[in-house]
PDB file of N, CA and C in Angstrom:
ATOM      1  N   UNK A   1      13.995   6.837   8.276  1.00  0.00           N
ATOM      2  CA  UNK A   1      12.675   6.411   8.787  1.00  0.00           C
ATOM      3  C   UNK A   1      12.097   6.485   7.313  1.00  0.00           C
ATOM      4  N   UNK A   2      11.459   5.539   6.452  1.00  0.00           N
ATOM      5  CA  UNK A   2      10.596   5.552   5.521  1.00  0.00           C
ATOM      6  C   UNK A   2       9.047   5.506   6.024  1.00  0.00           C
ATOM      7  N   UNK A   3       8.587   6.237   4.962  1.00  0.00           N
ATOM      8  CA  UNK A   3       7.165   6.444   5.301  1.00  0.00           C
ATOM      9  C   UNK A   3       6.473   6.061   3.941  1.00  0.00           C
ATOM     10  N   UNK A   4       5.424   5.147   3.587  1.00  0.00           N
ATOM     11  CA  UNK A   4       5.011   4.979   2.576  1.00  0.00           C
ATOM     12  C   UNK A   4       3.334   5.099   2.660  1.00  0.00           C
ATOM     13  N   UNK A   5       2.832   5.774   1.575  1.00  0.00           N
ATOM     14  CA  UNK A   5       1.190   5.329   1.667  1.00  0.00           C
ATOM     15  C   UNK A   5       0.707   4.382   0.633  1.00  0.00           C
ATOM     16  N   UNK A   6      -0.021   3.532   1.290  1.00  0.00           N
ATOM     17  CA  UNK A   6      -0.663   2.435   0.319  1.00  0.00           C
ATOM     18  C   UNK A   6      -1.942   2.791   0.068  1.00  0.00           C
ATOM     19  N   UNK A   7      -2.547   2.506  -1.398  1.00  0.00           N
ATOM     20  CA  UNK A   7      -3.537   2.500  -1.682  1.00  0.00           C
ATOM     21  C   UNK A   7      -4.406   1.057  -2.308  1.00  0.00           C
ATOM     22  N   UNK A   8      -5.220   0.790  -1.808  1.00  0.00           N
ATOM     23  CA  UNK A   8      -5.824  -0.799  -2.127  1.00  0.00           C
ATOM     24  C   UNK A   8      -7.152  -0.406  -2.769  1.00  0.00           C
ATOM     25  N   UNK A   9      -7.240  -0.978  -4.040  1.00  0.00           N
ATOM     26  CA  UNK A   9      -8.671  -0.664  -4.934  1.00  0.00           C
ATOM     27  C   UNK A   9      -9.195  -2.139  -4.983  1.00  0.00           C
ATOM     28  N   UNK A  10     -10.576  -1.808  -4.280  1.00  0.00           N
ATOM     29  CA  UNK A  10     -11.318  -3.055  -3.915  1.00  0.00           C
ATOM     30  C   UNK A  10     -12.487  -3.149  -4.702  1.00  0.00           C
ATOM     31  N   UNK A  11     -13.237  -4.432  -4.677  1.00  0.00           N
ATOM     32  CA  UNK A  11     -14.569  -4.808  -5.215  1.00  0.00           C
ATOM     33  C   UNK A  11     -15.505  -4.609  -4.264  1.00  0.00           C
ATOM     34  N   UNK A  12     -15.291  -4.324  -2.985  1.00  0.00           N
ATOM     35  CA  UNK A  12     -16.186  -4.271  -1.730  1.00  0.00           C
ATOM     36  C   UNK A  12     -17.193  -3.217  -1.985  1.00  0.00           C
ATOM     37  N   UNK A  13     -18.358  -3.601  -1.874  1.00  0.00           N
ATOM     38  CA  UNK A  13     -19.562  -2.782  -1.890  1.00  0.00           C
ATOM     39  C   UNK A  13     -19.574  -1.917  -0.581  1.00  0.00           C
ATOM     40  N   UNK A  14     -19.378  -2.351   0.343  1.00  0.00           N
ATOM     41  CA  UNK A  14     -19.617  -1.426   1.446  1.00  0.00           C
ATOM     42  C   UNK A  14     -18.203  -1.099   2.426  1.00  0.00           C
ATOM     43  N   UNK A  15     -18.366  -0.120   3.238  1.00  0.00           N
ATOM     44  CA  UNK A  15     -16.929   0.198   4.050  1.00  0.00           C
ATOM     45  C   UNK A  15     -16.904  -1.005   4.914  1.00  0.00           C
ATOM     46  N   UNK A  16     -17.961  -1.662   5.369  1.00  0.00           N
ATOM     47  CA  UNK A  16     -17.796  -2.925   6.121  1.00  0.00           C
ATOM     48  C   UNK A  16     -17.287  -3.976   5.584  1.00  0.00           C
ATOM     49  N   UNK A  17     -17.278  -4.199   4.149  1.00  0.00           N
ATOM     50  CA  UNK A  17     -16.706  -5.130   3.697  1.00  0.00           C
ATOM     51  C   UNK A  17     -15.094  -5.097   3.099  1.00  0.00           C
ATOM     52  N   UNK A  18     -14.791  -3.435   3.321  1.00  0.00           N
ATOM     53  CA  UNK A  18     -13.484  -3.017   2.735  1.00  0.00           C
ATOM     54  C   UNK A  18     -12.775  -3.344   4.125  1.00  0.00           C
ATOM     55  N   UNK A  19     -13.361  -3.043   5.063  1.00  0.00           N
ATOM     56  CA  UNK A  19     -12.800  -3.022   6.388  1.00  0.00           C
ATOM     57  C   UNK A  19     -12.392  -4.821   6.698  1.00  0.00           C
ATOM     58  N   UNK A  20     -13.384  -5.525   6.526  1.00  0.00           N
ATOM     59  CA  UNK A  20     -12.778  -7.083   6.433  1.00  0.00           C
ATOM     60  C   UNK A  20     -11.270  -7.304   5.375  1.00  0.00           C
ATOM     61  N   UNK A  21     -11.520  -6.719   4.482  1.00  0.00           N
ATOM     62  CA  UNK A  21     -10.129  -6.786   3.521  1.00  0.00           C
ATOM     63  C   UNK A  21      -9.082  -6.319   4.238  1.00  0.00           C
ATOM     64  N   UNK A  22      -9.217  -5.091   4.704  1.00  0.00           N
ATOM     65  CA  UNK A  22      -8.163  -4.604   5.707  1.00  0.00           C
ATOM     66  C   UNK A  22      -7.768  -5.472   6.793  1.00  0.00           C
ATOM     67  N   UNK A  23      -8.562  -6.096   7.308  1.00  0.00           N
ATOM     68  CA  UNK A  23      -7.882  -6.999   8.417  1.00  0.00           C
ATOM     69  C   UNK A  23      -7.352  -8.316   7.988  1.00  0.00           C
ATOM     70  N   UNK A  24      -7.513  -8.530   6.567  1.00  0.00           N
ATOM     71  CA  UNK A  24      -6.849  -9.853   6.202  1.00  0.00           C
ATOM     72  C   UNK A  24      -5.366  -9.140   5.940  1.00  0.00           C
ATOM     73  N   UNK A  25      -5.336  -8.006   5.003  1.00  0.00           N
ATOM     74  CA  UNK A  25      -4.070  -7.235   4.895  1.00  0.00           C
ATOM     75  C   UNK A  25      -3.098  -7.147   6.102  1.00  0.00           C
ATOM     76  N   UNK A  26      -3.631  -6.698   7.026  1.00  0.00           N
ATOM     77  CA  UNK A  26      -3.293  -6.139   8.372  1.00  0.00           C
ATOM     78  C   UNK A  26      -2.511  -7.275   8.885  1.00  0.00           C
ATOM     79  N   UNK A  27      -2.732  -8.421   8.743  1.00  0.00           N
ATOM     80  CA  UNK A  27      -1.993  -9.710   9.439  1.00  0.00           C
ATOM     81  C   UNK A  27      -0.908 -10.161   8.528  1.00  0.00           C
ATOM     82  N   UNK A  28      -1.065  -9.519   7.381  1.00  0.00           N
ATOM     83  CA  UNK A  28       0.125  -9.829   6.473  1.00  0.00           C
ATOM     84  C   UNK A  28       1.456  -8.898   6.743  1.00  0.00           C
ATOM     85  N   UNK A  29       1.075  -7.705   6.848  1.00  0.00           N
ATOM     86  CA  UNK A  29       2.370  -6.517   6.856  1.00  0.00           C
ATOM     87  C   UNK A  29       2.970  -6.460   8.311  1.00  0.00           C
ATOM     88  N   UNK A  30       4.173  -6.170   8.018  1.00  0.00           N
ATOM     89  CA  UNK A  30       5.309  -6.225   9.169  1.00  0.00           C
ATOM     90  C   UNK A  30       4.835  -4.947  10.497  1.00  0.00           C
ATOM     91  N   UNK A  31       3.978  -3.874  10.020  1.00  0.00           N
ATOM     92  CA  UNK A  31       3.773  -2.966  10.825  1.00  0.00           C
ATOM     93  C   UNK A  31       2.412  -2.688  10.913  1.00  0.00           C
ATOM     94  N   UNK A  32       1.719  -2.074  11.761  1.00  0.00           N
ATOM     95  CA  UNK A  32       0.176  -1.595  11.813  1.00  0.00           C
ATOM     96  C   UNK A  32      -0.069  -0.465  10.974  1.00  0.00           C
ATOM     97  N   UNK A  33      -0.979  -0.309   9.945  1.00  0.00           N
ATOM     98  CA  UNK A  33      -1.458   0.734   9.393  1.00  0.00           C
ATOM     99  C   UNK A  33      -1.933   2.012  10.200  1.00  0.00           C
ATOM    100  N   UNK A  34      -1.502   3.062   9.482  1.00  0.00           N
ATOM    101  CA  UNK A  34      -1.622   4.225  10.255  1.00  0.00           C
ATOM    102  C   UNK A  34      -2.635   5.293   9.194  1.00  0.00           C
ATOM    103  N   UNK A  35      -3.318   5.950  10.116  1.00  0.00           N
ATOM    104  CA  UNK A  35      -3.997   7.038   9.079  1.00  0.00           C
ATOM    105  C   UNK A  35      -4.808   6.118   7.895  1.00  0.00           C
ATOM    106  N   UNK A  36      -5.604   5.303   8.220  1.00  0.00           N
ATOM    107  CA  UNK A  36      -6.535   4.615   7.515  1.00  0.00           C
ATOM    108  C   UNK A  36      -7.763   5.301   7.058  1.00  0.00           C
ATOM    109  N   UNK A  37      -8.151   5.252   5.871  1.00  0.00           N
ATOM    110  CA  UNK A  37      -9.019   6.249   5.188  1.00  0.00           C
ATOM    111  C   UNK A  37      -9.848   5.216   4.233  1.00  0.00           C
ATOM    112  N   UNK A  38     -11.191   5.084   4.112  1.00  0.00           N
ATOM    113  CA  UNK A  38     -11.870   4.655   3.087  1.00  0.00           C
ATOM    114  C   UNK A  38     -12.365   5.256   2.323  1.00  0.00           C
ATOM    115  N   UNK A  39     -12.801   5.235   1.158  1.00  0.00           N
ATOM    116  CA  UNK A  39     -13.579   5.961   0.130  1.00  0.00           C
ATOM    117  C   UNK A  39     -14.074   5.198  -1.117  1.00  0.00           C
ATOM    118  N   UNK A  40     -15.254   5.334  -1.491  1.00  0.00           N
ATOM    119  CA  UNK A  40     -15.939   4.734  -2.597  1.00  0.00           C
ATOM    120  C   UNK A  40     -17.399   4.679  -2.414  1.00  0.00           C
ATOM    121  N   UNK A  41     -18.030   3.810  -2.971  1.00  0.00           N
ATOM    122  CA  UNK A  41     -19.588   3.560  -3.019  1.00  0.00           C
ATOM    123  C   UNK A  41     -19.642   2.291  -3.457  1.00  0.00           C
ATOM    124  N   UNK A  42     -21.092   1.777  -3.449  1.00  0.00           N
ATOM    125  CA  UNK A  42     -21.488   0.412  -3.921  1.00  0.00           C
ATOM    126  C   UNK A  42     -21.142  -0.052  -5.277  1.00  0.00           C
ATOM    127  N   UNK A  43     -20.882   0.853  -6.154  1.00  0.00           N
ATOM    128  CA  UNK A  43     -21.015   0.573  -7.936  1.00  0.00           C
ATOM    129  C   UNK A  43     -19.711   0.224  -8.123  1.00  0.00           C
ATOM    130  N   UNK A  44     -18.257   1.291  -7.562  1.00  0.00           N
ATOM    131  CA  UNK A  44     -17.206   1.095  -8.173  1.00  0.00           C
ATOM    132  C   UNK A  44     -16.569   0.144  -6.980  1.00  0.00           C
ATOM    133  N   UNK A  45     -16.803   0.048  -5.993  1.00  0.00           N
ATOM    134  CA  UNK A  45     -16.023  -0.539  -4.791  1.00  0.00           C
ATOM    135  C   UNK A  45     -15.420   0.545  -3.993  1.00  0.00           C
ATOM    136  N   UNK A  46     -14.699  -0.042  -2.908  1.00  0.00           N
ATOM    137  CA  UNK A  46     -13.953   0.985  -2.131  1.00  0.00           C
ATOM    138  C   UNK A  46     -12.460   0.915  -2.257  1.00  0.00           C
ATOM    139  N   UNK A  47     -11.704   2.095  -1.868  1.00  0.00           N
ATOM    140  CA  UNK A  47     -10.477   2.357  -1.754  1.00  0.00           C
ATOM    141  C   UNK A  47      -9.846   2.321  -0.515  1.00  0.00           C
ATOM    142  N   UNK A  48      -8.896   1.527   0.118  1.00  0.00           N
ATOM    143  CA  UNK A  48      -8.330   1.736   1.160  1.00  0.00           C
ATOM    144  C   UNK A  48      -7.102   2.344   1.225  1.00  0.00           C
ATOM    145  N   UNK A  49      -7.030   3.456   1.730  1.00  0.00           N
ATOM    146  CA  UNK A  49      -5.697   4.026   1.906  1.00  0.00           C
ATOM    147  C   UNK A  49      -5.228   4.210   3.322  1.00  0.00           C
ATOM    148  N   UNK A  50      -3.900   3.819   3.337  1.00  0.00           N
ATOM    149  CA  UNK A  50      -3.235   3.853   4.897  1.00  0.00           C
ATOM    150  C   UNK A  50      -1.610   4.036   4.593  1.00  0.00           C
ATOM    151  N   UNK A  51      -1.060   4.578   5.652  1.00  0.00           N
ATOM    152  CA  UNK A  51       0.338   4.792   5.758  1.00  0.00           C
ATOM    153  C   UNK A  51       1.201   3.521   6.593  1.00  0.00           C
ATOM    154  N   UNK A  52       2.227   3.226   6.149  1.00  0.00           N
ATOM    155  CA  UNK A  52       3.111   2.154   6.886  1.00  0.00           C
ATOM    156  C   UNK A  52       4.731   3.066   7.111  1.00  0.00           C
ATOM    157  N   UNK A  53       4.984   2.689   8.376  1.00  0.00           N
ATOM    158  CA  UNK A  53       6.029   3.614   8.548  1.00  0.00           C
ATOM    159  C   UNK A  53       7.200   2.417   9.066  1.00  0.00           C
ATOM    160  N   UNK A  54       8.329   2.425   8.453  1.00  0.00           N
ATOM    161  CA  UNK A  54       9.639   1.577   8.849  1.00  0.00           C
ATOM    162  C   UNK A  54      10.531   2.167   9.550  1.00  0.00           C
ATOM    163  N   UNK A  55      10.479   1.857  10.476  1.00  0.00           N
ATOM    164  CA  UNK A  55      11.463   2.767  11.562  1.00  0.00           C
ATOM    165  C   UNK A  55      12.960   2.067  11.769  1.00  0.00           C
ATOM    166  N   UNK A  56      12.805   0.604  11.639  1.00  0.00           N
ATOM    167  CA  UNK A  56      14.200   0.042  12.120  1.00  0.00           C
ATOM    168  C   UNK A  56      14.939   0.094  10.867  1.00  0.00           C
ATOM    169  N   UNK A  57      16.449   0.091  11.221  1.00  0.00           N
ATOM    170  CA  UNK A  57      17.415  -0.548  10.320  1.00  0.00           C
ATOM    171  C   UNK A  57      17.706   0.329   9.164  1.00  0.00           C
ATOM    172  N   UNK A  58      18.578   0.250   8.375  1.00  0.00           N
ATOM    173  CA  UNK A  58      19.101   0.911   7.627  1.00  0.00           C
ATOM    174  C   UNK A  58      18.069   1.204   6.329  1.00  0.00           C
ATOM    175  N   UNK A  59      18.334   2.023   5.217  1.00  0.00           N
ATOM    176  CA  UNK A  59      17.460   2.058   4.196  1.00  0.00           C
ATOM    177  C   UNK A  59      17.492   0.684   3.256  1.00  0.00           C
ATOM    178  N   UNK A  60      18.380  -0.066   3.258  1.00  0.00           N
ATOM    179  CA  UNK A  60      18.445  -1.148   2.618  1.00  0.00           C
ATOM    180  C   UNK A  60      17.618  -2.165   3.495  1.00  0.00           C
ATOM    181  N   UNK A  61      17.483  -2.428   4.642  1.00  0.00           N
ATOM    182  CA  UNK A  61      16.661  -3.003   5.359  1.00  0.00           C
ATOM    183  C   UNK A  61      15.033  -2.737   5.289  1.00  0.00           C
ATOM    184  N   UNK A  62      14.757  -1.836   5.339  1.00  0.00           N
ATOM    185  CA  UNK A  62      13.522  -1.133   5.081  1.00  0.00           C
ATOM    186  C   UNK A  62      13.109  -1.317   3.655  1.00  0.00           C
ATOM    187  N   UNK A  63      14.002  -1.225   2.966  1.00  0.00           N
ATOM    188  CA  UNK A  63      13.618  -1.577   1.601  1.00  0.00           C
ATOM    189  C   UNK A  63      13.010  -2.914   1.071  1.00  0.00           C
ATOM    190  N   UNK A  64      14.054  -3.762   1.813  1.00  0.00           N
ATOM    191  CA  UNK A  64      13.811  -5.304   1.723  1.00  0.00           C
ATOM    192  C   UNK A  64      12.375  -5.513   2.880  1.00  0.00           C
ATOM    193  N   UNK A  65      12.234  -4.880   3.801  1.00  0.00           N
ATOM    194  CA  UNK A  65      11.089  -5.264   4.501  1.00  0.00           C
ATOM    195  C   UNK A  65       9.695  -4.798   3.671  1.00  0.00           C
ATOM    196  N   UNK A  66       9.787  -3.707   3.043  1.00  0.00           N
ATOM    197  CA  UNK A  66       8.652  -3.359   2.016  1.00  0.00           C
ATOM    198  C   UNK A  66       8.530  -4.082   1.230  1.00  0.00           C
ATOM    199  N   UNK A  67       9.411  -4.766   0.468  1.00  0.00           N
ATOM    200  CA  UNK A  67       9.435  -5.929  -0.602  1.00  0.00           C
ATOM    201  C   UNK A  67       8.796  -7.097  -0.091  1.00  0.00           C
ATOM    202  N   UNK A  68       9.113  -7.399   0.933  1.00  0.00           N
ATOM    203  CA  UNK A  68       8.696  -8.592   1.523  1.00  0.00           C
ATOM    204  C   UNK A  68       7.206  -8.570   2.021  1.00  0.00           C
ATOM    205  N   UNK A  69       6.691  -7.108   2.403  1.00  0.00           N
ATOM    206  CA  UNK A  69       5.241  -6.856   2.895  1.00  0.00           C
ATOM    207  C   UNK A  69       4.642  -6.921   1.372  1.00  0.00           C
ATOM    208  N   UNK A  70       5.132  -6.606   0.231  1.00  0.00           N
ATOM    209  CA  UNK A  70       4.601  -6.509  -1.007  1.00  0.00           C
ATOM    210  C   UNK A  70       4.374  -8.077  -1.734  1.00  0.00           C
ATOM    211  N   UNK A  71       5.298  -8.341  -1.581  1.00  0.00           N
ATOM    212  CA  UNK A  71       5.177  -9.590  -2.140  1.00  0.00           C
ATOM    213  C   UNK A  71       4.174 -10.687  -1.163  1.00  0.00           C
ATOM    214  N   UNK A  72       3.869 -10.267  -0.091  1.00  0.00           N
ATOM    215  CA  UNK A  72       3.038 -11.229   0.590  1.00  0.00           C
ATOM    216  C   UNK A  72       1.513 -10.940   0.370  1.00  0.00           C
ATOM    217  N   UNK A  73       1.221  -9.759  -0.364  1.00  0.00           N
ATOM    218  CA  UNK A  73       0.094  -9.071  -0.904  1.00  0.00           C
ATOM    219  C   UNK A  73      -0.117  -9.284  -2.367  1.00  0.00           C
ATOM    220  N   UNK A  74       0.796  -9.298  -2.997  1.00  0.00           N
ATOM    221  CA  UNK A  74       0.643  -9.309  -4.746  1.00  0.00           C
ATOM    222  C   UNK A  74       1.533  -9.812  -5.451  1.00  0.00           C
ATOM    223  N   UNK A  75       1.707 -10.400  -6.593  1.00  0.00           N
ATOM    224  CA  UNK A  75       3.059 -10.534  -7.194  1.00  0.00           C
ATOM    225  C   UNK A  75       3.071  -9.522  -8.793  1.00  0.00           C
ATOM    226  N   UNK A  76       4.135  -9.702  -9.353  1.00  0.00           N
ATOM    227  CA  UNK A  76       4.162  -8.986 -10.468  1.00  0.00           C
ATOM    228  C   UNK A  76       4.096  -7.489 -10.397  1.00  0.00           C
ATOM    229  N   UNK A  77       4.898  -7.062  -9.350  1.00  0.00           N
ATOM    230  CA  UNK A  77       5.051  -5.771  -9.217  1.00  0.00           C
ATOM    231  C   UNK A  77       5.723  -4.928 -10.131  1.00  0.00           C
ATOM    232  N   UNK A  78       5.318  -3.711 -10.174  1.00  0.00           N
ATOM    233  CA  UNK A  78       5.982  -2.492 -11.176  1.00  0.00           C
ATOM    234  C   UNK A  78       6.373  -1.606 -10.295  1.00  0.00           C
ATOM    235  N   UNK A  79       7.889  -1.659 -10.110  1.00  0.00           N
ATOM    236  CA  UNK A  79       8.541  -0.821  -9.370  1.00  0.00           C
ATOM    237  C   UNK A  79       9.228   0.484 -10.029  1.00  0.00           C
ATOM    238  N   UNK A  80       9.249   1.644  -9.402  1.00  0.00           N
ATOM    239  CA  UNK A  80      10.005   2.879 -10.245  1.00  0.00           C
ATOM    240  C   UNK A  80      10.525   3.504  -8.937  1.00  0.00           C
ATOM    241  N   UNK A  81      11.853   4.351  -9.346  1.00  0.00           N
ATOM    242  CA  UNK A  81      12.235   5.014  -7.930  1.00  0.00           C
ATOM    243  C   UNK A  81      13.110   4.127  -7.259  1.00  0.00           C
ATOM    244  N   UNK A  82      14.283   3.840  -7.747  1.00  0.00           N
ATOM    245  CA  UNK A  82      14.970   2.668  -6.986  1.00  0.00           C
ATOM    246  C   UNK A  82      15.745   3.339  -5.690  1.00  0.00           C
ATOM    247  N   UNK A  83      16.056   4.829  -6.250  1.00  0.00           N
ATOM    248  CA  UNK A  83      16.467   5.724  -5.193  1.00  0.00           C
ATOM    249  C   UNK A  83      14.928   6.441  -4.621  1.00  0.00           C
ATOM    250  N   UNK A  84      15.427   7.654  -3.837  1.00  0.00           N
ATOM    251  CA  UNK A  84      13.985   8.182  -3.381  1.00  0.00           C
ATOM    252  C   UNK A  84      13.354   8.844  -4.377  1.00  0.00           C
ATOM    253  N   UNK A  85      12.074   9.305  -4.653  1.00  0.00           N
ATOM    254  CA  UNK A  85      10.987   8.330  -3.893  1.00  0.00           C
ATOM    255  C   UNK A  85      10.697   7.254  -4.624  1.00  0.00           C
ATOM    256  N   UNK A  86      10.226   6.019  -3.995  1.00  0.00           N
ATOM    257  CA  UNK A  86      10.137   4.892  -4.609  1.00  0.00           C
ATOM    258  C   UNK A  86       8.503   4.807  -4.473  1.00  0.00           C
ATOM    259  N   UNK A  87       8.406   3.842  -5.722  1.00  0.00           N
ATOM    260  CA  UNK A  87       6.641   3.650  -5.687  1.00  0.00           C
ATOM    261  C   UNK A  87       6.643   2.526  -6.372  1.00  0.00           C
ATOM    262  N   UNK A  88       5.616   1.852  -6.255  1.00  0.00           N
ATOM    263  CA  UNK A  88       5.111   0.138  -6.624  1.00  0.00           C
ATOM    264  C   UNK A  88       3.350   0.171  -7.195  1.00  0.00           C
ATOM    265  N   UNK A  89       3.182  -0.616  -8.190  1.00  0.00           N
ATOM    266  CA  UNK A  89       2.066  -1.101  -8.370  1.00  0.00           C
ATOM    267  C   UNK A  89       1.576  -2.123  -8.862  1.00  0.00           C
ATOM    268  N   UNK A  90       0.613  -3.047  -8.300  1.00  0.00           N
ATOM    269  CA  UNK A  90       0.678  -4.232  -9.010  1.00  0.00           C
ATOM    270  C   UNK A  90      -1.224  -4.620  -9.114  1.00  0.00           C
ATOM    271  N   UNK A  91      -1.784  -5.297 -10.161  1.00  0.00           N
ATOM    272  CA  UNK A  91      -3.004  -5.747 -10.356  1.00  0.00           C
ATOM    273  C   UNK A  91      -2.825  -6.984 -10.227  1.00  0.00           C
ATOM    274  N   UNK A  92      -1.957  -7.973  -9.674  1.00  0.00           N
ATOM    275  CA  UNK A  92      -1.903  -9.386  -9.454  1.00  0.00           C
ATOM    276  C   UNK A  92      -1.917  -9.423  -7.828  1.00  0.00           C
ATOM    277  N   UNK A  93      -3.121  -9.276  -7.167  1.00  0.00           N
ATOM    278  CA  UNK A  93      -3.329  -9.231  -5.783  1.00  0.00           C
ATOM    279  C   UNK A  93      -3.349 -10.800  -5.296  1.00  0.00           C
ATOM    280  N   UNK A  94      -2.989 -10.912  -4.124  1.00  0.00           N
ATOM    281  CA  UNK A  94      -3.268 -12.388  -3.450  1.00  0.00           C
ATOM    282  C   UNK A  94      -4.223 -12.361  -2.909  1.00  0.00           C
ATOM    283  N   UNK A  95      -4.816 -11.235  -2.488  1.00  0.00           N
ATOM    284  CA  UNK A  95      -5.975 -11.064  -1.383  1.00  0.00           C
ATOM    285  C   UNK A  95      -7.223 -11.192  -2.302  1.00  0.00           C
ATOM    286  N   UNK A  96      -8.001 -12.042  -2.296  1.00  0.00           N
ATOM    287  CA  UNK A  96      -9.310 -11.794  -2.913  1.00  0.00           C
ATOM    288  C   UNK A  96     -10.177 -10.675  -2.349  1.00  0.00           C
ATOM    289  N   UNK A  97     -10.788 -10.058  -3.444  1.00  0.00           N
ATOM    290  CA  UNK A  97     -11.514  -9.046  -3.258  1.00  0.00           C
ATOM    291  C   UNK A  97     -10.898  -7.650  -3.522  1.00  0.00           C
ATOM    292  N   UNK A  98      -9.352  -7.619  -3.388  1.00  0.00           N
ATOM    293  CA  UNK A  98      -8.547  -6.298  -3.799  1.00  0.00           C
ATOM    294  C   UNK A  98      -8.435  -6.838  -5.357  1.00  0.00           C
ATOM    295  N   UNK A  99      -8.612  -5.676  -6.231  1.00  0.00           N
ATOM    296  CA  UNK A  99      -8.244  -5.607  -7.473  1.00  0.00           C
ATOM    297  C   UNK A  99      -6.775  -5.073  -7.951  1.00  0.00           C
ATOM    298  N   UNK A 100      -6.571  -4.127  -7.116  1.00  0.00           N
ATOM    299  CA  UNK A 100      -5.190  -3.466  -7.670  1.00  0.00           C
ATOM    300  C   UNK A 100      -4.636  -2.934  -6.356  1.00  0.00           C
ATOM    301  N   UNK A 101      -3.240  -2.849  -6.354  1.00  0.00           N
ATOM    302  CA  UNK A 101      -2.498  -2.490  -4.867  1.00  0.00           C
ATOM    303  C   UNK A 101      -1.588  -1.256  -5.366  1.00  0.00           C
ATOM    304  N   UNK A 102      -1.382  -0.195  -4.806  1.00  0.00           N
ATOM    305  CA  UNK A 102       0.206   0.674  -5.104  1.00  0.00           C
ATOM    306  C   UNK A 102       0.592   1.125  -3.735  1.00  0.00           C
ATOM    307  N   UNK A 103       1.638   1.531  -3.905  1.00  0.00           N
ATOM    308  CA  UNK A 103       2.239   2.379  -2.855  1.00  0.00           C
ATOM    309  C   UNK A 103       3.255   3.383  -3.293  1.00  0.00           C
ATOM    310  N   UNK A 104       3.569   4.726  -2.562  1.00  0.00           N
ATOM    311  CA  UNK A 104       4.340   5.735  -2.650  1.00  0.00           C
ATOM    312  C   UNK A 104       5.066   5.737  -1.637  1.00  0.00           C
ATOM    313  N   UNK A 105       6.433   6.088  -1.685  1.00  0.00           N
ATOM    314  CA  UNK A 105       7.177   6.511  -0.784  1.00  0.00           C
ATOM    315  C   UNK A 105       7.017   8.086  -0.262  1.00  0.00           C
ATOM    316  N   UNK A 106       6.563   8.454   0.868  1.00  0.00           N
ATOM    317  CA  UNK A 106       6.299  10.144   1.324  1.00  0.00           C
ATOM    318  C   UNK A 106       7.585  10.543   1.777  1.00  0.00           C
ATOM    319  N   UNK A 107       7.804  11.957   1.888  1.00  0.00           N
ATOM    320  CA  UNK A 107       8.995  12.242   2.590  1.00  0.00           C
ATOM    321  C   UNK A 107       8.996  12.328   4.085  1.00  0.00           C
ATOM    322  N   UNK A 108       9.626  12.350   4.914  1.00  0.00           N
ATOM    323  CA  UNK A 108       9.503  12.134   6.376  1.00  0.00           C
ATOM    324  C   UNK A 108       8.480  13.366   6.964  1.00  0.00           C
ATOM    325  N   UNK A 109       8.392  14.488   6.139  1.00  0.00           N
ATOM    326  CA  UNK A 109       7.203  15.186   6.842  1.00  0.00           C
ATOM    327  C   UNK A 109       6.041  14.780   6.232  1.00  0.00           C
ATOM    328  N   UNK A 110       5.772  13.577   5.596  1.00  0.00           N
ATOM    329  CA  UNK A 110       4.492  13.114   4.954  1.00  0.00           C
ATOM    330  C   UNK A 110       3.958  13.858   3.782  1.00  0.00           C
ATOM    331  N   UNK A 111       4.696  14.739   3.107  1.00  0.00           N
ATOM    332  CA  UNK A 111       4.417  15.430   2.158  1.00  0.00           C
ATOM    333  C   UNK A 111       4.240  14.447   0.808  1.00  0.00           C
ATOM    334  N   UNK A 112       3.396  14.406  -0.078  1.00  0.00           N
ATOM    335  CA  UNK A 112       3.099  13.482  -1.297  1.00  0.00           C
ATOM    336  C   UNK A 112       4.602  13.471  -2.131  1.00  0.00           C
ATOM    337  N   UNK A 113       4.831  12.370  -2.408  1.00  0.00           N
ATOM    338  CA  UNK A 113       6.006  11.978  -3.635  1.00  0.00           C
ATOM    339  C   UNK A 113       5.142  11.685  -4.823  1.00  0.00           C
ATOM    340  N   UNK A 114       5.679  12.260  -5.841  1.00  0.00           N
ATOM    341  CA  UNK A 114       5.254  11.687  -6.865  1.00  0.00           C
ATOM    342  C   UNK A 114       5.067  10.398  -7.331  1.00  0.00           C
ATOM    343  N   UNK A 115       4.009   9.649  -7.863  1.00  0.00           N
ATOM    344  CA  UNK A 115       3.961   8.435  -8.231  1.00  0.00           C
ATOM    345  C   UNK A 115       4.361   8.063  -9.965  1.00  0.00           C
ATOM    346  N   UNK A 116       4.582   7.212 -10.207  1.00  0.00           N
ATOM    347  CA  UNK A 116       5.071   7.029 -11.444  1.00  0.00           C
ATOM    348  C   UNK A 116       3.649   7.195 -12.619  1.00  0.00           C
ATOM    349  N   UNK A 117       2.515   7.311 -11.835  1.00  0.00           N
ATOM    350  CA  UNK A 117       1.558   7.664 -12.748  1.00  0.00           C
ATOM    351  C   UNK A 117       1.180   9.185 -13.140  1.00  0.00           C
ATOM    352  N   UNK A 118       1.939   9.893 -12.073  1.00  0.00           N
ATOM    353  CA  UNK A 118       1.923  11.415 -12.329  1.00  0.00           C
ATOM    354  C   UNK A 118       2.960  11.870 -13.316  1.00  0.00           C
ATOM    355  N   UNK A 119       3.859  11.073 -13.703  1.00  0.00           N
ATOM    356  CA  UNK A 119       4.945  11.567 -14.444  1.00  0.00           C
ATOM    357  C   UNK A 119       6.005  12.407 -13.855  1.00  0.00           C
TER     358      UNK A 119
END
């Protein structure tokens, strides 16, 4: 099983507008987001955080599905950690209103895995 924590940075000035963006993203993903959380304000925009669980297939198949989901949402991804844990970041969103996207692989117990930004 592969568990990923996604964070979307938006220019949505309200949680209601951020929810609209999440609904657009939800239609593109291969599985349903879990543990959705909104944070932000009307000045800096809202962040949307959620988890995706890839349960089927080998690790290679799960990685392929992750990359396919990522490609639907953005391009020019920066990827790190080809082995475990992996992470990715892009500021080239295909969804208007989302300014930046990032994801991090978590261990199966849901503990935080270091992202490339945390060194």
